[in-house]
Amino acid sequence: MHIVISGNIGSGKTVLAERLAKHYNWIPEYEDVDHNPYLKDFYADMKTWSFHLQIYFLNSRFNQIKKIKKAKKTVVQDRSIYEDAYIFAANLHESKMISDRDYKNYKNIFESLITVVDPPDLLIYLRADIPKLVSQIQKRGRDYEDLIRLEYLKNLNKHYENWIKGYKLGKLLIIDVNNLDFVENAEDLAFIIDRVDVELYGLFSG
């Protein structure tokens, strides 16, 4: 199976992917953040680097999907290729950070790639309000993320909510993480695992 964890920056996707991979003995596929050559530049100057960053993420995610297709075990992926296009690239274009010409080019590339992409068996959306996102971003302490503006996070949240409302590609599990701490609290993690069990296997783990 192919499981995807989606959500805004700071919603806890990577940590949850790690915890679920450990619990279910799944293979985790993480977003390429540490070796991304554009991320720091992007947060310092979004207008200059938006298109480059989005093309990099699109290609990286597509290569992950090719690996997932060949995997013999269930894979849990940190963010989907759909989010790259429908959330991040769309938001940057609406915010005038990506030109009409570059956005059209990006969408054409995405539409070509998506013809050979199968949707995930389960999409887990981590819903988080701005205070929760900011708190999580500050906790992990990546220098370049200090440059993230609140308006950027708010716009991304709006795009996420609109996308999730219309999501029809397969099973969808929405988890409100505003009052959960699945890193420090084992009960919160168990709650999420029970929800995942119901979606995948139709029963509670007990």
Protein backbone atom coordinates (compact mmCIF):
# COMPACT_ATOMS: atom_id res chain seq x y z
CA MET A 1 0.00 0.00 0.00
CA HIS A 2 0.91 3.65 -0.42
CA ILE A 3 0.04 5.92 2.50
CA VAL A 4 0.52 9.69 2.34
CA ILE A 5 0.65 12.14 5.23
CA SER A 6 -0.29 15.64 4.14
CA GLY A 7 -0.44 18.96 5.91
CA ASN A 8 0.99 22.44 6.24
CA ILE A 9 4.55 23.29 7.27
CA GLY A 10 4.92 22.37 10.95
CA SER A 11 1.85 20.12 11.16
CA GLY A 12 3.95 17.09 12.18
CA LYS A 13 3.99 15.08 8.94
CA THR A 14 7.59 13.91 9.13
CA VAL A 15 7.42 12.81 12.76
CA LEU A 16 4.13 10.99 12.21
CA ALA A 17 5.52 9.25 9.12
CA GLU A 18 8.45 8.10 11.26
CA ARG A 19 6.20 6.87 14.09
CA LEU A 20 3.78 5.04 11.78
CA ALA A 21 6.66 3.45 9.85
CA LYS A 22 8.06 2.13 13.13
CA HIS A 23 4.67 0.90 14.41
CA TYR A 24 3.52 -0.85 11.22
CA ASN A 25 6.96 -1.76 9.86
CA TRP A 26 6.37 0.42 6.81
CA ILE A 27 9.03 2.06 4.64
CA PRO A 28 9.16 5.84 5.20
CA GLU A 29 9.79 8.27 2.33
CA TYR A 30 10.65 11.73 3.66
CA GLU A 31 10.45 15.10 1.96
CA ASP A 32 13.86 16.28 0.73
CA VAL A 33 14.48 19.20 3.07
CA ASP A 34 18.02 18.76 4.39
CA HIS A 35 19.63 18.39 0.95
CA ASN A 36 17.36 20.76 -0.92
CA PRO A 37 19.59 23.31 -2.72
CA TYR A 38 16.85 25.96 -2.98
CA LEU A 39 15.02 26.01 0.35
CA LYS A 40 17.16 28.54 2.24
CA ASP A 41 17.29 30.88 -0.75
CA PHE A 42 13.54 30.53 -1.21
CA TYR A 43 12.66 31.74 2.29
CA ALA A 44 15.08 34.65 1.91
CA ASP A 45 13.75 35.68 -1.53
CA MET A 46 10.57 33.88 -2.55
CA LYS A 47 10.00 35.72 -5.81
CA THR A 48 13.40 34.78 -7.23
CA TRP A 49 13.45 31.15 -6.15
CA SER A 50 9.81 29.96 -6.09
CA PHE A 51 9.77 28.37 -9.54
CA HIS A 52 13.14 26.64 -9.01
CA LEU A 53 12.04 25.26 -5.64
CA GLN A 54 8.72 23.95 -6.94
CA ILE A 55 10.33 22.21 -9.92
CA TYR A 56 12.87 20.62 -7.56
CA PHE A 57 10.13 19.34 -5.22
CA LEU A 58 8.00 18.10 -8.13
CA ASN A 59 10.87 16.09 -9.57
CA SER A 60 11.91 14.77 -6.14
CA ARG A 61 8.36 13.67 -5.33
CA PHE A 62 7.91 12.01 -8.72
CA ASN A 63 11.12 10.02 -8.21
CA GLN A 64 9.80 8.92 -4.81
CA ILE A 65 6.58 7.71 -6.45
CA LYS A 66 8.57 5.63 -8.95
CA LYS A 67 10.36 4.00 -6.00
CA ILE A 68 7.07 3.44 -4.17
CA LYS A 69 5.61 1.66 -7.20
CA LYS A 70 8.46 -0.87 -7.07
CA ALA A 71 8.38 -1.33 -3.28
CA LYS A 72 7.32 -4.73 -1.97
CA LYS A 73 6.21 -3.33 1.40
CA THR A 74 3.78 -0.58 2.38
CA VAL A 75 5.33 2.89 2.07
CA VAL A 76 4.35 5.98 4.07
CA GLN A 77 5.20 9.19 2.24
CA ASP A 78 5.76 12.61 3.80
CA ARG A 79 3.56 14.88 1.60
CA SER A 80 2.04 14.11 -1.79
CA ILE A 81 2.78 15.27 -5.32
CA TYR A 82 -0.71 16.80 -5.40
CA GLU A 83 0.21 19.22 -2.61
CA ASP A 84 3.19 20.45 -4.60
CA ALA A 85 0.88 21.56 -7.40
CA TYR A 86 -2.49 22.32 -5.82
CA ILE A 87 -1.22 23.93 -2.62
CA PHE A 88 2.30 25.31 -2.85
CA ALA A 89 2.72 26.21 -6.53
CA ALA A 90 -0.88 27.50 -6.75
CA ASN A 91 -0.41 29.65 -3.65
CA LEU A 92 2.88 31.10 -4.92
CA HIS A 93 1.28 31.94 -8.25
CA GLU A 94 -1.71 33.63 -6.58
CA SER A 95 0.71 35.56 -4.36
CA LYS A 96 2.56 36.81 -7.48
CA MET A 97 5.71 34.92 -6.49
CA ILE A 98 5.57 32.78 -9.65
CA SER A 99 4.89 34.47 -12.99
CA ASP A 100 2.01 33.41 -15.24
CA ARG A 101 4.50 32.04 -17.78
CA ASP A 102 6.42 29.95 -15.24
CA TYR A 103 3.22 28.70 -13.60
CA LYS A 104 1.83 27.59 -16.96
CA ASN A 105 5.08 25.72 -17.62
CA TYR A 106 4.96 24.15 -14.15
CA LYS A 107 1.34 23.02 -14.60
CA ASN A 108 2.15 21.47 -17.98
CA ILE A 109 5.00 19.45 -16.43
CA PHE A 110 2.77 18.39 -13.52
CA GLU A 111 -0.06 17.32 -15.85
CA SER A 112 2.40 15.20 -17.87
CA LEU A 113 3.77 13.49 -14.74
CA ILE A 114 0.40 12.90 -13.10
CA THR A 115 -0.78 10.69 -15.99
CA VAL A 116 1.49 7.90 -14.68
CA VAL A 117 0.86 8.49 -10.96
CA ASP A 118 -1.55 6.32 -8.97
CA PRO A 119 -3.29 8.05 -6.04
CA PRO A 120 -2.43 6.81 -2.54
CA ASP A 121 -4.46 4.09 -0.83
CA LEU A 122 -4.94 6.45 2.11
CA LEU A 123 -4.33 10.17 2.50
CA ILE A 124 -3.94 11.34 6.11
CA TYR A 125 -4.47 15.09 6.45
CA LEU A 126 -3.11 16.75 9.60
CA ARG A 127 -5.25 19.81 10.25
CA ALA A 128 -3.50 22.48 12.33
CA ASP A 129 -4.24 26.13 13.10
CA ILE A 130 -1.58 28.83 12.81
CA PRO A 131 -0.55 28.93 16.52
CA LYS A 132 0.11 25.16 16.43
CA LEU A 133 2.12 25.44 13.21
CA VAL A 134 4.21 28.33 14.54
CA SER A 135 4.88 26.50 17.80
CA GLN A 136 6.03 23.36 15.95
CA ILE A 137 8.20 25.33 13.50
CA GLN A 138 9.91 27.14 16.39
CA LYS A 139 10.49 23.86 18.24
CA ARG A 140 12.45 22.28 15.42
CA GLY A 141 14.68 25.36 15.10
CA ARG A 142 15.63 25.46 11.42
CA ASP A 143 17.25 28.91 10.93
CA TYR A 144 15.80 29.58 7.49
CA GLU A 145 12.26 28.85 8.75
CA ASP A 146 12.50 31.95 10.96
CA LEU A 147 11.83 33.85 7.73
CA ILE A 148 8.42 32.18 7.16
CA ARG A 149 5.69 34.81 7.29
CA LEU A 150 2.36 34.22 9.04
CA GLU A 151 0.51 35.33 5.90
CA TYR A 152 2.26 32.57 3.94
CA LEU A 153 1.13 29.90 6.44
CA LYS A 154 -2.43 31.30 6.49
CA ASN A 155 -2.67 31.20 2.69
CA LEU A 156 -1.35 27.64 2.63
CA ASN A 157 -3.96 26.59 5.21
CA LYS A 158 -6.72 28.08 3.03
CA HIS A 159 -5.46 26.14 0.01
CA TYR A 160 -5.24 22.95 2.07
CA GLU A 161 -8.81 23.24 3.33
CA ASN A 162 -10.15 23.89 -0.19
CA TRP A 163 -8.20 20.96 -1.61
CA ILE A 164 -9.29 18.56 1.13
CA LYS A 165 -12.95 19.56 0.67
CA GLY A 166 -12.78 18.41 -2.94
CA TYR A 167 -10.48 15.39 -2.48
CA LYS A 168 -12.00 12.40 -4.28
CA LEU A 169 -8.96 10.32 -5.25
CA GLY A 170 -9.33 7.70 -2.52
CA LYS A 171 -9.64 7.16 1.22
CA LEU A 172 -9.15 10.29 3.32
CA LEU A 173 -8.50 10.51 7.06
CA ILE A 174 -8.59 13.99 8.61
CA ILE A 175 -6.89 14.34 12.00
CA ASP A 176 -7.12 17.60 13.94
CA VAL A 177 -3.74 17.85 15.66
CA ASN A 178 -4.29 21.18 17.43
CA ASN A 179 -4.76 19.47 20.80
CA LEU A 180 -2.62 16.41 20.14
CA ASP A 181 1.04 15.82 20.95
CA PHE A 182 1.86 12.44 19.41
CA VAL A 183 5.59 13.03 19.96
CA GLU A 184 5.47 13.25 23.76
CA ASN A 185 2.11 11.62 24.51
CA ALA A 186 1.78 7.89 23.79
CA GLU A 187 -2.02 8.08 24.15
CA ASP A 188 -2.23 10.67 21.38
CA LEU A 189 -0.15 8.48 19.09
CA ALA A 190 -2.32 5.45 19.96
CA PHE A 191 -5.42 7.50 19.11
CA ILE A 192 -4.04 8.23 15.63
CA ILE A 193 -2.99 4.60 15.12
CA ASP A 194 -6.52 3.45 16.00
CA ARG A 195 -7.94 5.87 13.43
CA VAL A 196 -5.51 4.55 10.79
CA ASP A 197 -6.41 0.94 11.66
CA VAL A 198 -10.09 1.67 11.10
CA GLU A 199 -9.40 3.22 7.68
CA LEU A 200 -7.07 0.45 6.52
CA TYR A 201 -8.40 -2.65 8.22
CA GLY A 202 -11.88 -1.70 9.46
CA LEU A 203 -11.15 -2.40 13.12
CA PHE A 204 -9.56 -0.92 16.21
CA SER A 205 -6.18 -2.19 17.33
CA GLY A 206 -7.42 -2.33 20.94
